Amino acid sequence: MRNRIIGGVTAIVLGLLVSLGPTYIFKVCPHTGGAFMACHWTARAEIGVGMMISALGLLMIAVKSAGARLGFVAAIFLSGALELS
């Protein structure tokens, strides 16, 4: 029970940091004129991956099955690898 909550809350916090990072913590390139730069779309992708990590953290807390939680951990790991690339 306790490991489920600690792991889930950790994933939620890290997901929120990833998703809020390009918007509030580390500002990306500003909008210039009529076109968006590539860094704008990269920031959008980071927000999406961060929200997915947070959602998987919520699922880790809600689900009691150890096999399902292992799958969520694997999905969070792969999402983190996607974020790094």
N, C-alpha and C. Protein backbone atom coordinates (compact mmCIF):
# COMPACT_ATOMS: atom_id res chain seq x y z
N MET A 1 0.83 -1.20 0.00
CA MET A 1 0.00 0.00 0.00
C MET A 1 0.87 1.26 0.00
N ARG A 2 1.85 1.26 0.91
CA ARG A 2 2.68 2.46 1.05
C ARG A 2 3.56 2.67 -0.19
N ASN A 3 4.13 1.56 -0.73
CA ASN A 3 4.96 1.69 -1.94
C ASN A 3 4.14 2.19 -3.11
N ARG A 4 2.89 1.78 -3.18
CA ARG A 4 2.01 2.20 -4.27
C ARG A 4 1.79 3.71 -4.22
N ILE A 5 1.56 4.24 -3.06
CA ILE A 5 1.30 5.68 -2.91
C ILE A 5 2.58 6.49 -3.14
N ILE A 6 3.70 6.03 -2.58
CA ILE A 6 4.96 6.77 -2.74
C ILE A 6 5.37 6.79 -4.21
N GLY A 7 5.29 5.66 -4.88
CA GLY A 7 5.64 5.60 -6.30
C GLY A 7 4.71 6.43 -7.16
N GLY A 8 3.42 6.39 -6.86
CA GLY A 8 2.44 7.16 -7.62
C GLY A 8 2.62 8.66 -7.45
N VAL A 9 2.83 9.09 -6.23
CA VAL A 9 3.02 10.53 -5.96
C VAL A 9 4.31 11.02 -6.59
N THR A 10 5.35 10.19 -6.54
CA THR A 10 6.61 10.56 -7.18
C THR A 10 6.44 10.73 -8.68
N ALA A 11 5.72 9.81 -9.31
CA ALA A 11 5.47 9.91 -10.75
C ALA A 11 4.62 11.14 -11.08
N ILE A 12 3.64 11.44 -10.25
CA ILE A 12 2.80 12.62 -10.48
C ILE A 12 3.63 13.90 -10.40
N VAL A 13 4.46 14.01 -9.39
CA VAL A 13 5.29 15.21 -9.22
C VAL A 13 6.27 15.36 -10.37
N LEU A 14 6.93 14.27 -10.75
CA LEU A 14 7.88 14.34 -11.87
C LEU A 14 7.17 14.67 -13.17
N GLY A 15 5.99 14.10 -13.38
CA GLY A 15 5.22 14.42 -14.58
C GLY A 15 4.81 15.87 -14.63
N LEU A 16 4.41 16.41 -13.49
CA LEU A 16 4.05 17.83 -13.46
C LEU A 16 5.26 18.73 -13.69
N LEU A 17 6.42 18.34 -13.17
CA LEU A 17 7.64 19.12 -13.42
C LEU A 17 8.00 19.10 -14.90
N VAL A 18 7.85 17.94 -15.53
CA VAL A 18 8.15 17.85 -16.96
C VAL A 18 7.17 18.68 -17.77
N SER A 19 5.89 18.64 -17.41
CA SER A 19 4.90 19.36 -18.20
C SER A 19 4.91 20.87 -17.92
N LEU A 20 5.25 21.28 -16.73
CA LEU A 20 5.29 22.71 -16.41
C LEU A 20 6.64 23.34 -16.73
N GLY A 21 7.65 22.51 -16.94
CA GLY A 21 9.00 23.00 -17.21
C GLY A 21 9.10 23.95 -18.38
N PRO A 22 8.65 23.55 -19.58
CA PRO A 22 8.83 24.45 -20.72
C PRO A 22 7.95 25.69 -20.67
N THR A 23 6.92 25.68 -19.85
CA THR A 23 6.01 26.82 -19.80
C THR A 23 6.41 27.83 -18.73
N TYR A 24 6.76 27.34 -17.54
CA TYR A 24 6.98 28.25 -16.42
C TYR A 24 8.41 28.24 -15.88
N ILE A 25 9.06 27.08 -15.84
CA ILE A 25 10.38 27.00 -15.22
C ILE A 25 11.47 27.38 -16.20
N PHE A 26 11.52 26.70 -17.34
CA PHE A 26 12.52 26.96 -18.37
C PHE A 26 11.78 27.44 -19.61
N LYS A 27 11.77 28.73 -19.81
CA LYS A 27 11.05 29.31 -20.95
C LYS A 27 11.69 28.87 -22.26
N VAL A 28 10.85 28.47 -23.21
CA VAL A 28 11.35 28.11 -24.54
C VAL A 28 11.29 29.35 -25.43
N CYS A 29 11.67 29.18 -26.67
CA CYS A 29 11.73 30.32 -27.58
C CYS A 29 10.36 30.99 -27.71
N PRO A 30 10.34 32.30 -27.78
CA PRO A 30 9.05 33.01 -27.87
C PRO A 30 8.46 32.90 -29.28
N HIS A 31 7.19 33.19 -29.36
CA HIS A 31 6.50 33.21 -30.64
C HIS A 31 6.97 34.43 -31.43
N THR A 32 7.47 34.18 -32.63
CA THR A 32 8.00 35.29 -33.44
C THR A 32 7.19 35.41 -34.72
N GLY A 33 6.51 36.50 -34.89
CA GLY A 33 5.79 36.76 -36.13
C GLY A 33 4.67 35.77 -36.39
N GLY A 34 4.58 35.30 -37.62
CA GLY A 34 3.48 34.46 -38.01
C GLY A 34 3.73 32.97 -37.89
N ALA A 35 4.98 32.54 -37.71
CA ALA A 35 5.29 31.11 -37.69
C ALA A 35 5.85 30.71 -36.33
N PHE A 36 5.59 29.47 -35.97
CA PHE A 36 6.14 28.93 -34.74
C PHE A 36 7.48 28.28 -35.05
N MET A 37 8.40 28.38 -34.11
CA MET A 37 9.69 27.75 -34.29
C MET A 37 9.60 26.30 -33.82
N ALA A 38 10.60 25.51 -34.14
CA ALA A 38 10.59 24.09 -33.79
C ALA A 38 10.59 23.88 -32.28
N CYS A 39 11.22 24.77 -31.53
CA CYS A 39 11.26 24.61 -30.08
C CYS A 39 9.86 24.76 -29.46
N HIS A 40 8.98 25.48 -30.10
CA HIS A 40 7.60 25.59 -29.61
C HIS A 40 6.92 24.23 -29.65
N TRP A 41 7.09 23.52 -30.75
CA TRP A 41 6.44 22.21 -30.88
C TRP A 41 7.10 21.18 -29.99
N THR A 42 8.38 21.31 -29.75
CA THR A 42 9.05 20.42 -28.81
C THR A 42 8.51 20.63 -27.40
N ALA A 43 8.27 21.87 -27.03
CA ALA A 43 7.69 22.16 -25.71
C ALA A 43 6.29 21.58 -25.60
N ARG A 44 5.50 21.65 -26.66
CA ARG A 44 4.16 21.06 -26.66
C ARG A 44 4.23 19.55 -26.44
N ALA A 45 5.20 18.90 -27.09
CA ALA A 45 5.36 17.46 -26.92
C ALA A 45 5.77 17.13 -25.49
N GLU A 46 6.63 17.94 -24.89
CA GLU A 46 7.03 17.72 -23.50
C GLU A 46 5.84 17.85 -22.55
N ILE A 47 4.98 18.79 -22.81
CA ILE A 47 3.79 18.95 -21.97
C ILE A 47 2.92 17.70 -22.05
N GLY A 48 2.75 17.17 -23.25
CA GLY A 48 1.94 15.96 -23.42
C GLY A 48 2.53 14.75 -22.73
N VAL A 49 3.83 14.56 -22.85
CA VAL A 49 4.48 13.42 -22.21
C VAL A 49 4.43 13.57 -20.69
N GLY A 50 4.62 14.78 -20.19
CA GLY A 50 4.54 15.01 -18.75
C GLY A 50 3.16 14.73 -18.19
N MET A 51 2.13 15.11 -18.93
CA MET A 51 0.77 14.82 -18.47
C MET A 51 0.48 13.32 -18.51
N MET A 52 1.07 12.61 -19.48
CA MET A 52 0.90 11.16 -19.54
C MET A 52 1.59 10.50 -18.33
N ILE A 53 2.75 10.98 -17.95
CA ILE A 53 3.45 10.44 -16.79
C ILE A 53 2.62 10.69 -15.52
N SER A 54 2.03 11.87 -15.40
CA SER A 54 1.18 12.17 -14.25
C SER A 54 -0.05 11.28 -14.21
N ALA A 55 -0.66 11.04 -15.37
CA ALA A 55 -1.84 10.17 -15.43
C ALA A 55 -1.47 8.73 -15.05
N LEU A 56 -0.31 8.27 -15.49
CA LEU A 56 0.13 6.92 -15.10
C LEU A 56 0.40 6.85 -13.60
N GLY A 57 0.89 7.93 -13.01
CA GLY A 57 1.07 7.97 -11.56
C GLY A 57 -0.26 7.88 -10.82
N LEU A 58 -1.28 8.55 -11.34
CA LEU A 58 -2.61 8.43 -10.73
C LEU A 58 -3.13 7.01 -10.84
N LEU A 59 -2.90 6.37 -11.97
CA LEU A 59 -3.33 4.99 -12.14
C LEU A 59 -2.57 4.05 -11.21
N MET A 60 -1.30 4.35 -10.95
CA MET A 60 -0.53 3.52 -10.00
C MET A 60 -1.15 3.56 -8.61
N ILE A 61 -1.67 4.71 -8.23
CA ILE A 61 -2.29 4.83 -6.91
C ILE A 61 -3.64 4.11 -6.89
N ALA A 62 -4.38 4.19 -7.97
CA ALA A 62 -5.74 3.67 -8.00
C ALA A 62 -5.81 2.15 -8.13
N VAL A 63 -4.86 1.54 -8.85
CA VAL A 63 -4.93 0.11 -9.14
C VAL A 63 -4.18 -0.67 -8.08
N LYS A 64 -4.76 -1.76 -7.61
CA LYS A 64 -4.15 -2.56 -6.55
C LYS A 64 -3.37 -3.75 -7.08
N SER A 65 -3.55 -4.13 -8.32
CA SER A 65 -2.87 -5.29 -8.89
C SER A 65 -1.38 -5.00 -9.08
N ALA A 66 -0.55 -5.92 -8.57
CA ALA A 66 0.89 -5.73 -8.67
C ALA A 66 1.36 -5.82 -10.12
N GLY A 67 0.75 -6.69 -10.91
CA GLY A 67 1.13 -6.81 -12.31
C GLY A 67 0.80 -5.56 -13.10
N ALA A 68 -0.33 -4.97 -12.83
CA ALA A 68 -0.72 -3.74 -13.52
C ALA A 68 0.21 -2.59 -13.12
N ARG A 69 0.56 -2.52 -11.85
CA ARG A 69 1.47 -1.47 -11.40
C ARG A 69 2.85 -1.63 -12.04
N LEU A 70 3.28 -2.86 -12.23
CA LEU A 70 4.55 -3.09 -12.91
C LEU A 70 4.48 -2.60 -14.35
N GLY A 71 3.35 -2.80 -14.99
CA GLY A 71 3.15 -2.28 -16.33
C GLY A 71 3.17 -0.76 -16.36
N PHE A 72 2.58 -0.12 -15.35
CA PHE A 72 2.60 1.34 -15.27
C PHE A 72 4.02 1.86 -15.07
N VAL A 73 4.80 1.15 -14.25
CA VAL A 73 6.19 1.56 -14.04
C VAL A 73 6.97 1.46 -15.35
N ALA A 74 6.74 0.38 -16.10
CA ALA A 74 7.40 0.24 -17.39
C ALA A 74 6.99 1.35 -18.35
N ALA A 75 5.70 1.71 -18.34
CA ALA A 75 5.23 2.79 -19.21
C ALA A 75 5.83 4.13 -18.79
N ILE A 76 5.97 4.36 -17.51
CA ILE A 76 6.59 5.60 -17.03
C ILE A 76 8.06 5.64 -17.43
N PHE A 77 8.74 4.51 -17.32
CA PHE A 77 10.14 4.45 -17.73
C PHE A 77 10.29 4.75 -19.21
N LEU A 78 9.46 4.14 -20.04
CA LEU A 78 9.53 4.38 -21.47
C LEU A 78 9.13 5.81 -21.83
N SER A 79 8.19 6.40 -21.10
CA SER A 79 7.82 7.79 -21.32
C SER A 79 8.99 8.72 -20.96
N GLY A 80 9.70 8.38 -19.91
CA GLY A 80 10.89 9.16 -19.56
C GLY A 80 11.96 9.07 -20.61
N ALA A 81 12.13 7.86 -21.19
CA ALA A 81 13.09 7.71 -22.28
C ALA A 81 12.66 8.52 -23.50
N LEU A 82 11.36 8.56 -23.76
CA LEU A 82 10.83 9.38 -24.85
C LEU A 82 11.10 10.86 -24.58
N GLU A 83 10.98 11.26 -23.36
CA GLU A 83 11.22 12.65 -22.99
C GLU A 83 12.68 13.04 -23.17
N LEU A 84 13.57 12.12 -22.89
CA LEU A 84 15.00 12.41 -23.02
C LEU A 84 15.46 12.49 -24.47
N SER A 85 14.76 11.79 -25.36
CA SER A 85 15.21 11.77 -26.76
C SER A 85 14.76 12.99 -27.53
